[in-house]
């Protein structure tokens, strides 16, 4: 005969069995939920496969293809901001960022188009611009540079006896001025090009600044000073006049004579500027035995520094072929920067708004002062065979 339990024992037994039942029910629910998620995922994959097969059958015979990108309309409908706009009763304003699609020819399916790899822009070559680096550059906040230029020197210093009158020397000075000039240009391009291709924007910036610097170098060398042009170094330099005669003179001799002529201004001659092709002709010159005049360290298998008669040589397309400019660039001339190159972009130029265009402008402002013209010598003809 089973033992008679108390009420407390019966209640405790019931609680124990109920706890076991609850734990088992929880485990079964978790298992069912996991199985349900797996089934839902499997159904989703099956649906994707069925849609892909159906799309392939609608195409040109099936096969592999690139899935169609979401259309602009679909992106609008799926956008969270648009859903919020609808939920708020269509009131107010909504701005949506739509993923850009590439343009395809008429009749071409977007899903059949292979996306190309964009490998950047291959720009045109740019010459090295080095003449500015030869000059002293200082900033200015004025539109005109005034300076005193020494034009003559008559120094009569001599030994003087006690109580005697001292000799008087004379220094001639002339007030010179140089106005700040603006160099500028612009290009127009579609606004979308800047949005979709940042490298195109960088290329335009680079080309615009390069255009300024190239024109600047041309004017520093040979600007005629008329209208809005700088008055360059060459128009102010001394014409070549050999200080002495060299037997059997060749182009290298003539450059040496030009250096010595410029050195009579008693400033350190620090550069000879020549055309880049003329430089190639100079270093290829040979003697009567077909040996390169550039010496044992030069020639086609050697290396030489860009120097002529221990003076730095600067090859540049900015010089005419067969000519040379010798001088004390660092001390004889200065660049005064009023505004360094600045690139500005505007959508409000003329009819840019309705054409969805942008105008990109680059400009700089500077003045050039040739403080000692006698320290520069321009050789307009180096010799036969060196001109273009």
Protein backbone atom coordinates (compact mmCIF):
# COMPACT_ATOMS: atom_id res chain seq x y z
CA UNK A 1 0.00 0.00 0.00
CA UNK A 2 1.64 3.28 -1.13
CA UNK A 3 2.62 5.74 1.48
CA UNK A 4 0.28 8.61 1.97
CA UNK A 5 1.94 11.92 0.96
CA UNK A 6 1.36 15.19 2.58
CA UNK A 7 -0.09 18.13 0.67
CA UNK A 8 3.27 19.84 0.57
CA UNK A 9 4.92 16.80 -1.04
CA UNK A 10 2.24 16.58 -3.69
CA UNK A 11 2.61 20.27 -4.62
CA UNK A 12 6.41 19.93 -4.85
CA UNK A 13 6.13 16.91 -7.14
CA UNK A 14 3.73 18.74 -9.42
CA UNK A 15 6.08 21.74 -9.65
CA UNK A 16 8.99 19.46 -10.59
CA UNK A 17 7.08 17.76 -13.39
CA UNK A 18 5.78 21.09 -14.69
CA UNK A 19 9.34 22.49 -14.86
CA UNK A 20 10.48 19.45 -16.86
CA UNK A 21 7.56 19.88 -19.25
CA UNK A 22 8.28 23.60 -19.75
CA UNK A 23 11.95 22.94 -20.52
CA UNK A 24 11.04 20.28 -23.07
CA UNK A 25 8.46 22.54 -24.69
CA UNK A 26 11.05 25.35 -24.97
CA UNK A 27 13.58 23.03 -26.63
CA UNK A 28 10.98 21.84 -29.13
CA UNK A 29 9.95 25.42 -29.96
CA UNK A 30 13.57 26.42 -30.64
CA UNK A 31 14.04 23.45 -32.91
CA UNK A 32 10.85 24.26 -34.81
CA UNK A 33 11.92 27.90 -35.18
CA UNK A 34 15.31 26.92 -36.54
CA UNK A 35 13.74 24.51 -38.96
CA UNK A 36 11.32 27.21 -40.06
CA UNK A 37 14.13 29.71 -40.74
CA UNK A 38 16.03 27.12 -42.72
CA UNK A 39 12.93 26.35 -44.74
CA UNK A 40 12.34 30.06 -45.42
CA UNK A 41 15.95 30.53 -46.54
CA UNK A 42 15.73 27.49 -48.80
CA UNK A 43 12.46 28.75 -50.29
CA UNK A 44 14.07 32.15 -50.97
CA UNK A 45 16.98 30.52 -52.77
CA UNK A 46 14.64 28.33 -54.82
CA UNK A 47 12.58 31.38 -55.78
CA UNK A 48 15.77 33.18 -56.92
CA UNK A 49 16.78 30.21 -59.05
CA UNK A 50 13.31 30.01 -60.60
CA UNK A 51 13.36 33.73 -61.43
CA UNK A 52 16.82 33.46 -62.96
CA UNK A 53 15.75 30.53 -65.12
CA UNK A 54 12.64 32.39 -66.23
CA UNK A 55 14.66 35.49 -67.11
CA UNK A 56 17.13 33.41 -69.08
CA UNK A 57 14.33 31.76 -71.03
CA UNK A 58 12.95 35.19 -71.93
CA UNK A 59 16.37 36.26 -73.32
CA UNK A 60 18.29 35.08 -76.34
CA UNK A 61 18.41 31.38 -75.61
CA UNK A 62 19.38 31.38 -71.94
CA UNK A 63 22.90 31.01 -70.60
CA UNK A 64 24.93 33.04 -68.12
CA UNK A 65 24.12 36.71 -67.73
CA UNK A 66 24.65 39.71 -65.46
CA UNK A 67 21.58 40.35 -63.24
CA UNK A 68 19.63 43.44 -64.09
CA UNK A 69 20.47 46.46 -61.93
CA UNK A 70 17.69 48.09 -59.99
CA UNK A 71 15.99 50.74 -62.14
CA UNK A 72 15.70 54.38 -61.09
CA UNK A 73 11.96 53.94 -60.47
CA UNK A 74 12.53 50.85 -58.33
CA UNK A 75 15.20 52.66 -56.33
CA UNK A 76 12.76 55.48 -55.64
CA UNK A 77 10.01 53.12 -54.48
CA UNK A 78 12.41 51.12 -52.30
CA UNK A 79 14.13 54.16 -50.77
CA UNK A 80 13.50 54.58 -47.04
CA UNK A 81 13.11 58.37 -47.43
CA UNK A 82 10.36 57.83 -50.03
CA UNK A 83 8.53 55.39 -47.76
CA UNK A 84 8.72 57.93 -44.95
CA UNK A 85 7.45 60.60 -47.35
CA UNK A 86 4.39 58.45 -48.12
CA UNK A 87 3.83 57.71 -44.46
CA UNK A 88 3.76 61.44 -43.69
CA UNK A 89 0.90 62.11 -46.07
CA UNK A 90 2.92 63.21 -49.16
CA UNK A 91 3.72 66.57 -47.60
CA UNK A 92 7.03 68.42 -47.71
CA UNK A 93 10.06 67.73 -49.85
CA UNK A 94 12.20 64.63 -50.26
CA UNK A 95 15.71 64.37 -51.75
CA UNK A 96 16.86 60.93 -52.86
CA UNK A 97 20.32 59.74 -53.83
CA UNK A 98 19.85 57.49 -56.85
CA UNK A 99 22.63 55.15 -57.91
CA UNK A 100 23.89 56.29 -61.32
CA UNK A 101 23.34 53.92 -64.23
CA UNK A 102 25.49 53.82 -67.35
CA UNK A 103 23.90 54.73 -70.65
CA UNK A 104 23.31 51.83 -73.04
CA UNK A 105 22.51 51.90 -76.76
CA UNK A 106 18.87 51.66 -77.81
CA UNK A 107 17.60 48.08 -77.77
CA UNK A 108 20.37 46.78 -75.49
CA UNK A 109 19.34 45.01 -72.32
CA UNK A 110 21.06 46.36 -69.20
CA UNK A 111 21.39 42.83 -67.81
CA UNK A 112 23.36 41.74 -70.88
CA UNK A 113 25.89 44.58 -70.65
CA UNK A 114 29.36 43.78 -69.26
CA UNK A 115 30.57 46.58 -66.99
CA UNK A 116 33.95 47.90 -68.25
CA UNK A 117 36.93 48.48 -66.01
CA UNK A 118 37.80 52.17 -65.89
CA UNK A 119 41.57 52.47 -65.95
CA UNK A 120 41.98 56.23 -65.57
CA UNK A 121 42.83 58.96 -68.06
CA UNK A 122 46.06 58.93 -70.08
CA UNK A 123 47.02 62.63 -70.20
CA UNK A 124 49.25 64.33 -72.75
CA UNK A 125 52.84 64.97 -71.78
CA UNK A 126 53.87 68.22 -70.11
CA UNK A 127 57.20 69.96 -70.43
CA UNK A 128 59.26 70.68 -67.36
CA UNK A 129 58.91 74.31 -66.37
CA UNK A 130 62.09 75.36 -64.58
CA UNK A 131 62.77 79.01 -65.46
CA UNK A 132 60.69 80.29 -62.51
CA UNK A 133 62.92 78.30 -60.16
CA UNK A 134 65.96 80.28 -61.35
CA UNK A 135 64.57 83.62 -60.16
CA UNK A 136 64.02 85.07 -56.73
CA UNK A 137 60.28 84.94 -55.95
CA UNK A 138 58.70 87.25 -53.41
CA UNK A 139 55.02 87.96 -52.62
CA UNK A 140 53.42 91.35 -53.08
CA UNK A 141 50.12 92.97 -52.17
CA UNK A 142 50.46 95.80 -54.69
CA UNK A 143 49.43 96.13 -58.32
CA UNK A 144 52.68 97.90 -59.29
CA UNK A 145 56.31 97.34 -58.33
CA UNK A 146 58.59 100.40 -58.17
CA UNK A 147 62.35 99.95 -57.79
CA UNK A 148 65.56 101.89 -58.27
CA UNK A 149 67.88 100.54 -60.92
CA UNK A 150 71.53 101.51 -60.96
CA UNK A 151 72.40 102.75 -64.43
CA UNK A 152 75.98 103.97 -64.04
CA UNK A 153 78.98 103.92 -61.74
CA UNK A 154 81.83 106.41 -61.53
CA UNK A 155 83.86 105.53 -58.45
CA UNK A 156 86.84 107.78 -57.74
CA UNK A 157 88.06 106.43 -54.44
CA UNK A 158 91.76 107.24 -53.95
CA UNK A 159 94.31 107.82 -51.29
CA UNK A 160 93.88 111.23 -49.65
CA UNK A 161 96.36 113.28 -47.65
CA UNK A 162 95.37 114.60 -44.26
CA UNK A 163 93.23 117.72 -44.62
CA UNK A 164 92.87 117.33 -48.40
CA UNK A 165 89.51 117.29 -50.17
CA UNK A 166 88.11 113.83 -50.76
CA UNK A 167 87.22 112.80 -54.33
CA UNK A 168 83.54 112.60 -55.27
CA UNK A 169 82.07 109.48 -56.90
CA UNK A 170 78.87 109.33 -58.90
CA UNK A 171 76.22 106.61 -59.02
CA UNK A 172 73.39 106.89 -61.54
CA UNK A 173 69.94 105.67 -60.43
CA UNK A 174 66.71 105.42 -62.39
CA UNK A 175 63.20 104.77 -61.09
CA UNK A 176 61.67 101.75 -62.81
CA UNK A 177 58.26 100.20 -62.50
CA UNK A 178 56.59 96.94 -63.42
CA UNK A 179 52.84 96.38 -63.34
CA UNK A 180 51.20 93.21 -62.11
CA UNK A 181 49.70 91.25 -65.00
CA UNK A 182 46.99 88.60 -65.03
CA UNK A 183 47.41 85.30 -66.85
CA UNK A 184 44.18 83.30 -67.12
CA UNK A 185 42.16 80.82 -69.17
CA UNK A 186 39.08 78.63 -68.73
CA UNK A 187 37.35 75.50 -70.00
CA UNK A 188 33.76 74.29 -69.89
CA UNK A 189 32.73 70.71 -69.18
CA UNK A 190 29.59 68.75 -68.28
CA UNK A 191 28.78 68.82 -64.59
CA UNK A 192 28.26 65.05 -64.60
CA UNK A 193 31.88 64.53 -65.63
CA UNK A 194 33.09 66.08 -62.40
CA UNK A 195 30.59 64.12 -60.32
CA UNK A 196 31.26 60.73 -61.87
CA UNK A 197 34.98 61.05 -62.61
CA UNK A 198 37.03 62.70 -59.88
CA UNK A 199 40.18 61.98 -61.86
CA UNK A 200 38.79 64.11 -64.71
CA UNK A 201 38.44 66.99 -62.29
CA UNK A 202 42.04 66.51 -61.16
CA UNK A 203 43.20 66.36 -64.78
CA UNK A 204 41.44 69.63 -65.64
CA UNK A 205 42.96 71.30 -62.60
CA UNK A 206 46.38 70.04 -63.64
CA UNK A 207 46.00 71.14 -67.26
CA UNK A 208 44.74 74.58 -66.30
CA UNK A 209 47.60 75.24 -63.89
CA UNK A 210 50.09 73.85 -66.40
CA UNK A 211 48.69 76.23 -69.03
CA UNK A 212 49.27 79.17 -66.71
CA UNK A 213 52.82 78.15 -65.90
CA UNK A 214 53.72 77.51 -69.53
CA UNK A 215 52.52 80.96 -70.57
CA UNK A 216 54.25 82.46 -67.54
CA UNK A 217 57.58 80.91 -68.56
CA UNK A 218 57.18 82.14 -72.13
CA UNK A 219 56.53 85.68 -70.91
CA UNK A 220 59.36 85.64 -68.35
CA UNK A 221 61.72 84.77 -71.17
CA UNK A 222 60.39 86.76 -74.10
CA UNK A 223 57.30 88.82 -73.16
CA UNK A 224 57.20 92.05 -75.18
CA UNK A 225 55.63 94.24 -72.48
CA UNK A 226 52.74 95.35 -74.71
CA UNK A 227 49.07 95.22 -73.74
CA UNK A 228 48.83 92.80 -70.79
CA UNK A 229 52.13 91.00 -71.39
CA UNK A 230 55.10 91.02 -69.06
CA UNK A 231 58.32 92.62 -70.25
CA UNK A 232 60.57 89.58 -70.36
CA UNK A 233 64.28 89.11 -69.79
CA UNK A 234 65.32 88.65 -73.43
CA UNK A 235 64.00 92.05 -74.64
CA UNK A 236 65.96 93.71 -71.81
CA UNK A 237 69.15 91.63 -72.09
CA UNK A 238 72.33 92.80 -73.80
CA UNK A 239 72.73 91.56 -77.38
CA UNK A 240 75.65 89.22 -77.84
CA UNK A 241 78.98 90.93 -78.44
CA UNK A 242 82.05 88.74 -78.05
CA UNK A 243 84.51 90.24 -75.55
CA UNK A 244 87.35 88.66 -77.53
CA UNK A 245 87.91 86.50 -80.61
CA UNK A 246 88.21 82.70 -80.44
CA UNK A 247 89.89 80.95 -83.33
CA UNK A 248 87.66 78.44 -85.17
CA UNK A 249 84.73 79.43 -82.98
CA UNK A 250 82.04 76.78 -82.46
CA UNK A 251 78.65 77.02 -80.64
CA UNK A 252 80.20 76.03 -77.31
CA UNK A 253 82.79 78.80 -77.67
CA UNK A 254 80.02 81.28 -78.36
CA UNK A 255 78.20 80.29 -75.17
CA UNK A 256 81.42 80.76 -73.21
CA UNK A 257 81.82 84.24 -74.71
CA UNK A 258 78.20 85.04 -73.77
CA UNK A 259 78.83 83.92 -70.19
CA UNK A 260 81.93 86.10 -69.96
CA UNK A 261 80.09 89.08 -71.46
CA UNK A 262 77.28 88.78 -68.90
CA UNK A 263 79.83 88.35 -66.11
CA UNK A 264 81.08 91.88 -66.75
CA UNK A 265 78.08 93.07 -64.72
CA UNK A 266 79.92 91.45 -61.80
CA UNK A 267 77.02 89.32 -60.66
CA UNK A 268 77.38 85.52 -60.41
CA UNK A 269 76.23 83.90 -63.68
CA UNK A 270 74.14 80.94 -62.59
CA UNK A 271 72.36 79.60 -65.70
CA UNK A 272 72.35 79.24 -69.48
CA UNK A 273 68.86 78.68 -70.92
CA UNK A 274 68.68 76.89 -74.29
CA UNK A 275 66.10 75.06 -76.36
CA UNK A 276 65.85 71.38 -75.40
CA UNK A 277 66.61 70.20 -78.94
CA UNK A 278 69.51 72.63 -79.18
CA UNK A 279 70.85 71.15 -75.95
CA UNK A 280 70.77 67.71 -77.57
CA UNK A 281 72.70 69.07 -80.54
CA UNK A 282 75.28 70.67 -78.27
CA UNK A 283 76.08 67.53 -76.31
CA UNK A 284 76.28 65.53 -79.55
CA UNK A 285 79.00 67.75 -81.08
CA UNK A 286 82.20 65.89 -82.06
CA UNK A 287 85.76 66.87 -82.83
CA UNK A 288 87.71 66.10 -86.02
CA UNK A 289 88.31 62.54 -84.83
CA UNK A 290 84.62 61.91 -84.13
CA UNK A 291 85.05 62.11 -80.36
CA UNK A 292 82.28 63.76 -78.36
CA UNK A 293 83.22 67.21 -77.10
CA UNK A 294 81.26 66.46 -73.95
CA UNK A 295 84.33 64.59 -72.72
CA UNK A 296 85.08 61.18 -71.31
CA UNK A 297 82.16 61.42 -68.88
CA UNK A 298 79.65 62.19 -71.65
CA UNK A 299 78.72 60.68 -74.99
CA UNK A 300 76.04 58.05 -75.56
CA UNK A 301 77.29 55.71 -72.81
CA UNK A 302 78.25 58.23 -70.18
CA UNK A 303 76.46 60.71 -67.97
CA UNK A 304 77.05 64.43 -67.71
CA UNK A 305 75.46 67.04 -65.56
CA UNK A 306 73.47 69.75 -67.29
CA UNK A 307 76.37 72.21 -67.25
CA UNK A 308 78.16 74.37 -69.79
CA UNK A 309 81.48 75.89 -68.75
CA UNK A 310 80.64 75.11 -65.10
CA UNK A 311 77.34 76.97 -65.40
CA UNK A 312 74.00 75.21 -65.05
CA UNK A 313 72.28 74.55 -68.39
CA UNK A 314 68.47 74.73 -68.52
CA UNK A 315 66.90 73.03 -71.57
CA UNK A 316 63.34 74.18 -72.33
CA UNK A 317 61.01 74.27 -75.35
CA UNK A 318 60.28 77.89 -74.33
CA UNK A 319 63.49 79.04 -76.06
CA UNK A 320 63.83 79.29 -79.84
CA UNK A 321 66.16 76.74 -81.37
CA UNK A 322 69.70 77.90 -81.95
CA UNK A 323 69.56 80.63 -79.28
CA UNK A 324 70.81 80.95 -75.69
CA UNK A 325 70.24 83.24 -72.72
CA UNK A 326 73.13 83.58 -70.26
CA UNK A 327 72.71 85.47 -67.01
CA UNK A 328 72.58 86.01 -63.28
CA UNK A 329 68.98 84.90 -62.86
CA UNK A 330 68.85 84.72 -59.05
CA UNK A 331 70.21 88.23 -58.45
CA UNK A 332 69.40 89.94 -61.75
CA UNK A 333 65.61 89.44 -61.83
CA UNK A 334 62.64 88.86 -59.54
CA UNK A 335 59.12 87.50 -59.73
CA UNK A 336 56.53 89.26 -57.57
CA UNK A 337 53.54 87.00 -56.91
CA UNK A 338 50.32 88.96 -56.40
CA UNK A 339 48.10 85.87 -56.72
CA UNK A 340 49.37 82.32 -57.03
CA UNK A 341 47.51 79.98 -59.44
CA UNK A 342 43.87 79.68 -58.40
CA UNK A 343 41.28 77.32 -59.88
CA UNK A 344 37.59 78.23 -59.53
CA UNK A 345 34.48 76.31 -60.61
CA UNK A 346 31.10 77.91 -61.29
CA UNK A 347 27.70 76.62 -62.42
CA UNK A 348 26.32 80.16 -62.81
CA UNK A 349 28.28 81.25 -65.88
CA UNK A 350 26.01 82.26 -68.79
CA UNK A 351 23.63 79.35 -69.57
CA UNK A 352 25.44 76.73 -67.48
CA UNK A 353 22.35 76.06 -65.36
CA UNK A 354 20.10 75.02 -68.22
CA UNK A 355 22.88 73.07 -69.96
CA UNK A 356 24.08 71.40 -66.76
CA UNK A 357 27.62 72.64 -67.41
CA UNK A 358 30.36 74.03 -65.24
CA UNK A 359 33.00 76.63 -66.07
CA UNK A 360 36.46 76.01 -64.66
CA UNK A 361 38.80 79.00 -64.61
CA UNK A 362 42.43 79.30 -63.61
CA UNK A 363 44.34 82.52 -63.17
CA UNK A 364 47.39 84.01 -61.54
CA UNK A 365 48.76 87.55 -61.12
CA UNK A 366 52.42 88.48 -61.06
CA UNK A 367 54.99 91.07 -62.00
CA UNK A 368 58.55 90.64 -63.32
CA UNK A 369 61.36 93.05 -62.52
CA UNK A 370 64.68 92.77 -64.34
CA UNK A 371 66.84 94.65 -61.88
CA UNK A 372 70.17 94.30 -63.68
CA UNK A 373 69.63 93.93 -67.45
CA UNK A 374 73.40 94.05 -68.06
CA UNK A 375 73.76 90.75 -66.22
CA UNK A 376 71.90 88.96 -69.06
CA UNK A 377 73.17 88.30 -72.59
CA UNK A 378 70.99 86.95 -75.39
CA UNK A 379 72.73 85.00 -78.15
CA UNK A 380 70.35 84.99 -81.11
CA UNK A 381 72.45 82.62 -83.22
CA UNK A 382 74.70 79.91 -81.84
CA UNK A 383 75.88 78.70 -85.19
CA UNK A 384 75.02 76.91 -88.40
CA UNK A 385 72.99 73.73 -88.06
CA UNK A 386 71.57 74.53 -84.58
CA UNK A 387 68.47 76.45 -85.63
CA UNK A 388 65.18 74.76 -86.39
